[in-house]
């Protein structure tokens, strides 16, 4: 699916329709020292092999793509609701 680089959307901060630049939302870095990660690493340690089964079959074949819209006037950033598509191109 092709999305334009700039869209005219409603900005809740300016309270009017303005031009927004479009970018893809990306997941941030996972914290290495979080409790769940430490627990998982401790469980993995030992005699080898994987303690939990690694999933081979998945229910979905696509990911939901979310967009970050940044207002050109006030630099306010908002996110759109994600939708499923195989490929997303920002042109």
PDB file of N, CA and C in Angstrom:
ATOM      1  N   UNK A   1       0.838  -1.174   0.000  1.00  0.00           N
ATOM      2  CA  UNK A   1       0.000   0.000   0.000  1.00  0.00           C
ATOM      3  C   UNK A   1       0.889   1.246   0.000  1.00  0.00           C
ATOM      4  N   UNK A   2       0.514   2.237  -0.778  1.00  0.00           N
ATOM      5  CA  UNK A   2       1.299   3.462  -0.863  1.00  0.00           C
ATOM      6  C   UNK A   2       0.625   4.574  -0.066  1.00  0.00           C
ATOM      7  N   UNK A   3       1.409   5.252   0.762  1.00  0.00           N
ATOM      8  CA  UNK A   3       0.921   6.361   1.579  1.00  0.00           C
ATOM      9  C   UNK A   3       1.733   7.600   1.209  1.00  0.00           C
ATOM     10  N   UNK A   4       1.068   8.759   1.137  1.00  0.00           N
ATOM     11  CA  UNK A   4       1.772  10.003   0.821  1.00  0.00           C
ATOM     12  C   UNK A   4       2.630  10.447   1.991  1.00  0.00           C
ATOM     13  N   UNK A   5       3.733  11.165   1.678  1.00  0.00           N
ATOM     14  CA  UNK A   5       4.640  11.660   2.718  1.00  0.00           C
ATOM     15  C   UNK A   5       3.981  12.719   3.581  1.00  0.00           C
ATOM     16  N   UNK A   6       3.100  13.497   2.984  1.00  0.00           N
ATOM     17  CA  UNK A   6       2.412  14.563   3.707  1.00  0.00           C
ATOM     18  C   UNK A   6       0.912  14.408   3.538  1.00  0.00           C
ATOM     19  N   UNK A   7       0.184  14.475   4.647  1.00  0.00           N
ATOM     20  CA  UNK A   7      -1.272  14.370   4.637  1.00  0.00           C
ATOM     21  C   UNK A   7      -1.873  15.580   5.341  1.00  0.00           C
ATOM     22  N   UNK A   8      -3.081  15.935   4.929  1.00  0.00           N
ATOM     23  CA  UNK A   8      -3.792  17.025   5.590  1.00  0.00           C
ATOM     24  C   UNK A   8      -4.746  16.405   6.599  1.00  0.00           C
ATOM     25  N   UNK A   9      -4.416  16.542   7.881  1.00  0.00           N
ATOM     26  CA  UNK A   9      -5.197  15.921   8.962  1.00  0.00           C
ATOM     27  C   UNK A   9      -5.545  16.965  10.017  1.00  0.00           C
ATOM     28  N   UNK A  10      -6.469  16.593  10.903  1.00  0.00           N
ATOM     29  CA  UNK A  10      -6.856  17.485  11.995  1.00  0.00           C
ATOM     30  C   UNK A  10      -5.842  17.381  13.126  1.00  0.00           C
ATOM     31  N   UNK A  11      -5.320  18.535  13.559  1.00  0.00           N
ATOM     32  CA  UNK A  11      -4.383  18.570  14.682  1.00  0.00           C
ATOM     33  C   UNK A  11      -5.159  18.978  15.934  1.00  0.00           C
ATOM     34  N   UNK A  12      -5.185  18.121  16.970  1.00  0.00           N
ATOM     35  CA  UNK A  12      -5.933  18.454  18.183  1.00  0.00           C
ATOM     36  C   UNK A  12      -5.324  19.606  18.980  1.00  0.00           C
ATOM     37  N   UNK A  13      -4.036  19.872  18.772  1.00  0.00           N
ATOM     38  CA  UNK A  13      -3.392  20.970  19.501  1.00  0.00           C
ATOM     39  C   UNK A  13      -3.685  22.320  18.832  1.00  0.00           C
ATOM     40  N   UNK A  14      -3.566  22.351  17.497  1.00  0.00           N
ATOM     41  CA  UNK A  14      -3.883  23.586  16.760  1.00  0.00           C
ATOM     42  C   UNK A  14      -5.395  23.786  16.614  1.00  0.00           C
ATOM     43  N   UNK A  15      -6.153  22.696  16.752  1.00  0.00           N
ATOM     44  CA  UNK A  15      -7.620  22.678  16.590  1.00  0.00           C
ATOM     45  C   UNK A  15      -8.046  23.095  15.178  1.00  0.00           C
ATOM     46  N   UNK A  16      -7.259  22.657  14.197  1.00  0.00           N
ATOM     47  CA  UNK A  16      -7.616  22.898  12.798  1.00  0.00           C
ATOM     48  C   UNK A  16      -6.891  21.875  11.919  1.00  0.00           C
ATOM     49  N   UNK A  17      -7.285  21.785  10.668  1.00  0.00           N
ATOM     50  CA  UNK A  17      -6.640  20.885   9.723  1.00  0.00           C
ATOM     51  C   UNK A  17      -5.321  21.498   9.249  1.00  0.00           C
ATOM     52  N   UNK A  18      -4.243  20.741   9.391  1.00  0.00           N
ATOM     53  CA  UNK A  18      -2.922  21.193   8.963  1.00  0.00           C
ATOM     54  C   UNK A  18      -2.222  20.068   8.213  1.00  0.00           C
ATOM     55  N   UNK A  19      -1.097  20.379   7.621  1.00  0.00           N
ATOM     56  CA  UNK A  19      -0.312  19.365   6.903  1.00  0.00           C
ATOM     57  C   UNK A  19       0.542  18.612   7.918  1.00  0.00           C
ATOM     58  N   UNK A  20       0.507  17.283   7.828  1.00  0.00           N
ATOM     59  CA  UNK A  20       1.276  16.416   8.720  1.00  0.00           C
ATOM     60  C   UNK A  20       2.268  15.600   7.902  1.00  0.00           C
ATOM     61  N   UNK A  21       3.466  15.420   8.421  1.00  0.00           N
ATOM     62  CA  UNK A  21       4.424  14.518   7.779  1.00  0.00           C
ATOM     63  C   UNK A  21       4.203  13.114   8.335  1.00  0.00           C
ATOM     64  N   UNK A  22       4.330  12.127   7.481  1.00  0.00           N
ATOM     65  CA  UNK A  22       4.008  10.746   7.839  1.00  0.00           C
ATOM     66  C   UNK A  22       5.281   9.942   8.032  1.00  0.00           C
ATOM     67  N   UNK A  23       5.327   9.161   9.106  1.00  0.00           N
ATOM     68  CA  UNK A  23       6.429   8.238   9.355  1.00  0.00           C
ATOM     69  C   UNK A  23       5.885   6.965   9.965  1.00  0.00           C
ATOM     70  N   UNK A  24       6.607   5.889   9.828  1.00  0.00           N
ATOM     71  CA  UNK A  24       6.162   4.613  10.394  1.00  0.00           C
ATOM     72  C   UNK A  24       6.520   4.529  11.869  1.00  0.00           C
ATOM     73  N   UNK A  25       5.620   3.963  12.656  1.00  0.00           N
ATOM     74  CA  UNK A  25       5.877   3.739  14.079  1.00  0.00           C
ATOM     75  C   UNK A  25       6.787   2.536  14.209  1.00  0.00           C
ATOM     76  N   UNK A  26       7.839   2.647  15.023  1.00  0.00           N
ATOM     77  CA  UNK A  26       8.740   1.521  15.259  1.00  0.00           C
ATOM     78  C   UNK A  26       8.772   1.204  16.741  1.00  0.00           C
ATOM     79  N   UNK A  27       8.891  -0.072  17.040  1.00  0.00           N
ATOM     80  CA  UNK A  27       8.980  -0.515  18.424  1.00  0.00           C
ATOM     81  C   UNK A  27      10.318  -0.070  19.007  1.00  0.00           C
ATOM     82  N   UNK A  28      10.317   0.370  20.248  1.00  0.00           N
ATOM     83  CA  UNK A  28      11.540   0.811  20.902  1.00  0.00           C
ATOM     84  C   UNK A  28      12.397  -0.362  21.338  1.00  0.00           C
ATOM     85  N   UNK A  29      13.585  -0.063  21.848  1.00  0.00           N
ATOM     86  CA  UNK A  29      14.491  -1.107  22.314  1.00  0.00           C
ATOM     87  C   UNK A  29      13.932  -1.767  23.563  1.00  0.00           C
ATOM     88  N   UNK A  30      14.088  -3.091  23.665  1.00  0.00           N
ATOM     89  CA  UNK A  30      13.664  -3.795  24.875  1.00  0.00           C
ATOM     90  C   UNK A  30      14.661  -3.543  25.988  1.00  0.00           C
ATOM     91  N   UNK A  31      14.156  -3.394  27.204  1.00  0.00           N
ATOM     92  CA  UNK A  31      15.045  -3.158  28.337  1.00  0.00           C
ATOM     93  C   UNK A  31      15.677  -4.478  28.762  1.00  0.00           C
ATOM     94  N   UNK A  32      16.970  -4.497  28.854  1.00  0.00           N
ATOM     95  CA  UNK A  32      17.705  -5.731  29.161  1.00  0.00           C
ATOM     96  C   UNK A  32      17.587  -6.081  30.638  1.00  0.00           C
ATOM     97  N   UNK A  33      17.419  -5.081  31.493  1.00  0.00           N
ATOM     98  CA  UNK A  33      17.374  -5.332  32.928  1.00  0.00           C
ATOM     99  C   UNK A  33      15.959  -5.432  33.484  1.00  0.00           C
ATOM    100  N   UNK A  34      14.933  -5.547  32.629  1.00  0.00           N
ATOM    101  CA  UNK A  34      13.568  -5.672  33.129  1.00  0.00           C
ATOM    102  C   UNK A  34      13.387  -7.045  33.786  1.00  0.00           C
ATOM    103  N   UNK A  35      12.442  -7.133  34.693  1.00  0.00           N
ATOM    104  CA  UNK A  35      12.242  -8.353  35.486  1.00  0.00           C
ATOM    105  C   UNK A  35      11.946  -9.563  34.606  1.00  0.00           C
ATOM    106  N   UNK A  36      11.082  -9.391  33.607  1.00  0.00           N
ATOM    107  CA  UNK A  36      10.723 -10.496  32.722  1.00  0.00           C
ATOM    108  C   UNK A  36      11.904 -10.999  31.919  1.00  0.00           C
ATOM    109  N   UNK A  37      12.733 -10.092  31.442  1.00  0.00           N
ATOM    110  CA  UNK A  37      13.909 -10.471  30.650  1.00  0.00           C
ATOM    111  C   UNK A  37      14.919 -11.220  31.517  1.00  0.00           C
ATOM    112  N   UNK A  38      15.115 -10.751  32.756  1.00  0.00           N
ATOM    113  CA  UNK A  38      16.054 -11.428  33.664  1.00  0.00           C
ATOM    114  C   UNK A  38      15.549 -12.823  34.008  1.00  0.00           C
ATOM    115  N   UNK A  39      14.239 -12.937  34.203  1.00  0.00           N
ATOM    116  CA  UNK A  39      13.635 -14.237  34.527  1.00  0.00           C
ATOM    117  C   UNK A  39      13.818 -15.206  33.364  1.00  0.00           C
ATOM    118  N   UNK A  40      13.602 -14.723  32.137  1.00  0.00           N
ATOM    119  CA  UNK A  40      13.728 -15.547  30.936  1.00  0.00           C
ATOM    120  C   UNK A  40      15.176 -15.980  30.722  1.00  0.00           C
ATOM    121  N   UNK A  41      16.121 -15.070  30.937  1.00  0.00           N
ATOM    122  CA  UNK A  41      17.546 -15.402  30.797  1.00  0.00           C
ATOM    123  C   UNK A  41      17.976 -16.441  31.829  1.00  0.00           C
ATOM    124  N   UNK A  42      17.457 -16.311  33.058  1.00  0.00           N
ATOM    125  CA  UNK A  42      17.791 -17.267  34.112  1.00  0.00           C
ATOM    126  C   UNK A  42      17.238 -18.646  33.769  1.00  0.00           C
ATOM    127  N   UNK A  43      16.050 -18.677  33.157  1.00  0.00           N
ATOM    128  CA  UNK A  43      15.439 -19.950  32.775  1.00  0.00           C
ATOM    129  C   UNK A  43      16.207 -20.591  31.621  1.00  0.00           C
ATOM    130  N   UNK A  44      16.748 -19.780  30.710  1.00  0.00           N
ATOM    131  CA  UNK A  44      17.499 -20.293  29.563  1.00  0.00           C
ATOM    132  C   UNK A  44      18.852 -20.856  29.948  1.00  0.00           C
ATOM    133  N   UNK A  45      19.410 -20.379  31.063  1.00  0.00           N
ATOM    134  CA  UNK A  45      20.748 -20.777  31.484  1.00  0.00           C
ATOM    135  C   UNK A  45      20.748 -22.253  31.916  1.00  0.00           C
ATOM    136  N   UNK A  46      21.833 -22.979  31.616  1.00  0.00           N
ATOM    137  CA  UNK A  46      21.894 -24.357  32.099  1.00  0.00           C
ATOM    138  C   UNK A  46      22.482 -25.317  31.100  1.00  0.00           C
ATOM    139  N   UNK A  47      21.788 -26.426  30.891  1.00  0.00           N
ATOM    140  CA  UNK A  47      22.341 -27.543  30.117  1.00  0.00           C
ATOM    141  C   UNK A  47      22.133 -27.431  28.611  1.00  0.00           C
ATOM    142  N   UNK A  48      21.675 -26.323  28.116  1.00  0.00           N
ATOM    143  CA  UNK A  48      21.438 -26.204  26.685  1.00  0.00           C
ATOM    144  C   UNK A  48      19.983 -26.472  26.361  1.00  0.00           C
ATOM    145  N   UNK A  49      19.650 -26.413  25.106  1.00  0.00           N
ATOM    146  CA  UNK A  49      18.292 -26.578  24.619  1.00  0.00           C
ATOM    147  C   UNK A  49      17.448 -25.362  24.996  1.00  0.00           C
ATOM    148  N   UNK A  50      16.299 -25.247  24.420  1.00  0.00           N
ATOM    149  CA  UNK A  50      15.398 -24.116  24.685  1.00  0.00           C
ATOM    150  C   UNK A  50      14.322 -24.575  25.663  1.00  0.00           C
ATOM    151  N   UNK A  51      14.141 -23.889  26.801  1.00  0.00           N
ATOM    152  CA  UNK A  51      13.175 -24.334  27.795  1.00  0.00           C
ATOM    153  C   UNK A  51      11.724 -24.163  27.350  1.00  0.00           C
ATOM    154  N   UNK A  52      11.490 -23.139  26.540  1.00  0.00           N
ATOM    155  CA  UNK A  52      10.126 -22.916  26.059  1.00  0.00           C
ATOM    156  C   UNK A  52      10.094 -23.222  24.567  1.00  0.00           C
ATOM    157  N   UNK A  53       8.989 -23.768  24.053  1.00  0.00           N
ATOM    158  CA  UNK A  53       8.922 -24.067  22.626  1.00  0.00           C
ATOM    159  C   UNK A  53       8.919 -22.785  21.793  1.00  0.00           C
ATOM    160  N   UNK A  54       9.702 -22.780  20.719  1.00  0.00           N
ATOM    161  CA  UNK A  54       9.713 -21.643  19.804  1.00  0.00           C
ATOM    162  C   UNK A  54       8.592 -21.855  18.801  1.00  0.00           C
ATOM    163  N   UNK A  55       7.752 -20.830  18.661  1.00  0.00           N
ATOM    164  CA  UNK A  55       6.569 -20.952  17.821  1.00  0.00           C
ATOM    165  C   UNK A  55       6.949 -21.021  16.349  1.00  0.00           C
ATOM    166  N   UNK A  56       6.401 -21.996  15.635  1.00  0.00           N
ATOM    167  CA  UNK A  56       6.680 -22.174  14.216  1.00  0.00           C
ATOM    168  C   UNK A  56       5.525 -21.662  13.350  1.00  0.00           C
ATOM    169  N   UNK A  57       4.288 -21.956  13.767  1.00  0.00           N
ATOM    170  CA  UNK A  57       3.112 -21.533  13.002  1.00  0.00           C
ATOM    171  C   UNK A  57       2.489 -20.328  13.679  1.00  0.00           C
ATOM    172  N   UNK A  58       2.136 -19.345  12.880  1.00  0.00           N
ATOM    173  CA  UNK A  58       1.515 -18.147  13.410  1.00  0.00           C
ATOM    174  C   UNK A  58       0.123 -17.972  12.817  1.00  0.00           C
ATOM    175  N   UNK A  59      -0.742 -17.319  13.556  1.00  0.00           N
ATOM    176  CA  UNK A  59      -2.120 -17.131  13.117  1.00  0.00           C
ATOM    177  C   UNK A  59      -2.226 -16.088  12.007  1.00  0.00           C
ATOM    178  N   UNK A  60      -1.353 -15.088  12.055  1.00  0.00           N
ATOM    179  CA  UNK A  60      -1.444 -13.997  11.081  1.00  0.00           C
ATOM    180  C   UNK A  60      -0.222 -14.017  10.153  1.00  0.00           C
ATOM    181  N   UNK A  61      -0.418 -13.564   8.916  1.00  0.00           N
ATOM    182  CA  UNK A  61       0.688 -13.509   7.961  1.00  0.00           C
ATOM    183  C   UNK A  61       1.167 -12.077   7.741  1.00  0.00           C
ATOM    184  N   UNK A  62       0.441 -11.088   8.295  1.00  0.00           N
ATOM    185  CA  UNK A  62       0.828  -9.687   8.139  1.00  0.00           C
ATOM    186  C   UNK A  62       0.930  -9.021   9.504  1.00  0.00           C
ATOM    187  N   UNK A  63       1.601  -7.882   9.532  1.00  0.00           N
ATOM    188  CA  UNK A  63       1.699  -7.073  10.748  1.00  0.00           C
ATOM    189  C   UNK A  63       0.816  -5.844  10.586  1.00  0.00           C
ATOM    190  N   UNK A  64       0.364  -5.325  11.721  1.00  0.00           N
ATOM    191  CA  UNK A  64      -0.391  -4.073  11.676  1.00  0.00           C
ATOM    192  C   UNK A  64       0.600  -2.921  11.588  1.00  0.00           C
ATOM    193  N   UNK A  65       0.386  -2.035  10.621  1.00  0.00           N
ATOM    194  CA  UNK A  65       1.299  -0.902  10.472  1.00  0.00           C
ATOM    195  C   UNK A  65       0.628   0.352  11.013  1.00  0.00           C
ATOM    196  N   UNK A  66       1.343   1.047  11.922  1.00  0.00           N
ATOM    197  CA  UNK A  66       0.834   2.286  12.492  1.00  0.00           C
ATOM    198  C   UNK A  66       1.675   3.439  11.969  1.00  0.00           C
ATOM    199  N   UNK A  67       1.055   4.615  11.853  1.00  0.00           N
ATOM    200  CA  UNK A  67       1.748   5.785  11.338  1.00  0.00           C
ATOM    201  C   UNK A  67       1.864   6.857  12.407  1.00  0.00           C
ATOM    202  N   UNK A  68       2.998   7.547  12.401  1.00  0.00           N
ATOM    203  CA  UNK A  68       3.198   8.700  13.280  1.00  0.00           C
ATOM    204  C   UNK A  68       3.034   9.947  12.432  1.00  0.00           C
ATOM    205  N   UNK A  69       2.066  10.766  12.789  1.00  0.00           N
ATOM    206  CA  UNK A  69       1.799  11.998  12.057  1.00  0.00           C
ATOM    207  C   UNK A  69       2.319  13.172  12.868  1.00  0.00           C
ATOM    208  N   UNK A  70       3.177  13.980  12.272  1.00  0.00           N
ATOM    209  CA  UNK A  70       3.743  15.148  12.964  1.00  0.00           C
ATOM    210  C   UNK A  70       3.238  16.415  12.280  1.00  0.00           C
ATOM    211  N   UNK A  71       2.617  17.278  13.077  1.00  0.00           N
ATOM    212  CA  UNK A  71       2.078  18.545  12.576  1.00  0.00           C
ATOM    213  C   UNK A  71       3.230  19.469  12.190  1.00  0.00           C
ATOM    214  N   UNK A  72       3.104  20.108  11.019  1.00  0.00           N
ATOM    215  CA  UNK A  72       4.171  21.003  10.551  1.00  0.00           C
ATOM    216  C   UNK A  72       4.160  22.336  11.288  1.00  0.00           C
ATOM    217  N   UNK A  73       2.998  22.731  11.824  1.00  0.00           N
ATOM    218  CA  UNK A  73       2.903  24.023  12.509  1.00  0.00           C
ATOM    219  C   UNK A  73       3.442  23.965  13.933  1.00  0.00           C
ATOM    220  N   UNK A  74       2.982  22.965  14.710  1.00  0.00           N
ATOM    221  CA  UNK A  74       3.326  22.937  16.141  1.00  0.00           C
ATOM    222  C   UNK A  74       4.186  21.742  16.547  1.00  0.00           C
ATOM    223  N   UNK A  75       4.536  20.857  15.595  1.00  0.00           N
ATOM    224  CA  UNK A  75       5.343  19.648  15.846  1.00  0.00           C
ATOM    225  C   UNK A  75       4.685  18.656  16.794  1.00  0.00           C
ATOM    226  N   UNK A  76       3.364  18.725  16.952  1.00  0.00           N
ATOM    227  CA  UNK A  76       2.630  17.763  17.780  1.00  0.00           C
ATOM    228  C   UNK A  76       2.564  16.440  17.030  1.00  0.00           C
ATOM    229  N   UNK A  77       2.838  15.339  17.718  1.00  0.00           N
ATOM    230  CA  UNK A  77       2.847  14.019  17.078  1.00  0.00           C
ATOM    231  C   UNK A  77       1.657  13.205  17.546  1.00  0.00           C
ATOM    232  N   UNK A  78       0.957  12.600  16.594  1.00  0.00           N
ATOM    233  CA  UNK A  78      -0.126  11.690  16.947  1.00  0.00           C
ATOM    234  C   UNK A  78       0.000  10.426  16.116  1.00  0.00           C
ATOM    235  N   UNK A  79      -0.625   9.361  16.601  1.00  0.00           N
ATOM    236  CA  UNK A  79      -0.542   8.072  15.916  1.00  0.00           C
ATOM    237  C   UNK A  79      -1.903   7.694  15.363  1.00  0.00           C
ATOM    238  N   UNK A  80      -1.878   7.020  14.211  1.00  0.00           N
ATOM    239  CA  UNK A  80      -3.124   6.535  13.630  1.00  0.00           C
ATOM    240  C   UNK A  80      -3.364   5.110  14.088  1.00  0.00           C
ATOM    241  N   UNK A  81      -4.598   4.666  13.950  1.00  0.00           N
ATOM    242  CA  UNK A  81      -4.941   3.292  14.272  1.00  0.00           C
ATOM    243  C   UNK A  81      -4.285   2.391  13.228  1.00  0.00           C
ATOM    244  N   UNK A  82      -3.708   1.274  13.662  1.00  0.00           N
ATOM    245  CA  UNK A  82      -3.004   0.383  12.745  1.00  0.00           C
ATOM    246  C   UNK A  82      -3.945  -0.419  11.870  1.00  0.00           C
ATOM    247  N   UNK A  83      -3.490  -0.743  10.681  1.00  0.00           N
ATOM    248  CA  UNK A  83      -4.256  -1.618   9.797  1.00  0.00           C
ATOM    249  C   UNK A  83      -3.317  -2.634   9.172  1.00  0.00           C
ATOM    250  N   UNK A  84      -3.867  -3.738   8.735  1.00  0.00           N
ATOM    251  CA  UNK A  84      -3.061  -4.833   8.206  1.00  0.00           C
ATOM    252  C   UNK A  84      -2.790  -4.648   6.718  1.00  0.00           C
ATOM    253  N   UNK A  85      -1.533  -4.845   6.329  1.00  0.00           N
ATOM    254  CA  UNK A  85      -1.168  -4.859   4.921  1.00  0.00           C
ATOM    255  C   UNK A  85       0.182  -5.550   4.803  1.00  0.00           C
ATOM    256  N   UNK A  86       0.408  -6.165   3.650  1.00  0.00           N
ATOM    257  CA  UNK A  86       1.655  -6.902   3.444  1.00  0.00           C
ATOM    258  C   UNK A  86       2.847  -5.960   3.408  1.00  0.00           C
ATOM    259  N   UNK A  87       2.690  -4.838   2.669  1.00  0.00           N
ATOM    260  CA  UNK A  87       3.803  -3.917   2.501  1.00  0.00           C
ATOM    261  C   UNK A  87       3.294  -2.483   2.508  1.00  0.00           C
ATOM    262  N   UNK A  88       4.044  -1.589   3.134  1.00  0.00           N
ATOM    263  CA  UNK A  88       3.664  -0.177   3.183  1.00  0.00           C
ATOM    264  C   UNK A  88       4.816   0.656   2.646  1.00  0.00           C
ATOM    265  N   UNK A  89       4.527   1.509   1.665  1.00  0.00           N
ATOM    266  CA  UNK A  89       5.526   2.408   1.091  1.00  0.00           C
ATOM    267  C   UNK A  89       5.081   3.841   1.315  1.00  0.00           C
ATOM    268  N   UNK A  90       5.980   4.670   1.855  1.00  0.00           N
ATOM    269  CA  UNK A  90       5.691   6.090   2.005  1.00  0.00           C
ATOM    270  C   UNK A  90       6.332   6.801   0.821  1.00  0.00           C
ATOM    271  N   UNK A  91       5.472   7.361  -0.058  1.00  0.00           N
ATOM    272  CA  UNK A  91       5.969   8.013  -1.287  1.00  0.00           C
ATOM    273  C   UNK A  91       5.625   9.489  -1.310  1.00  0.00           C
TER     274      UNK A  91
END
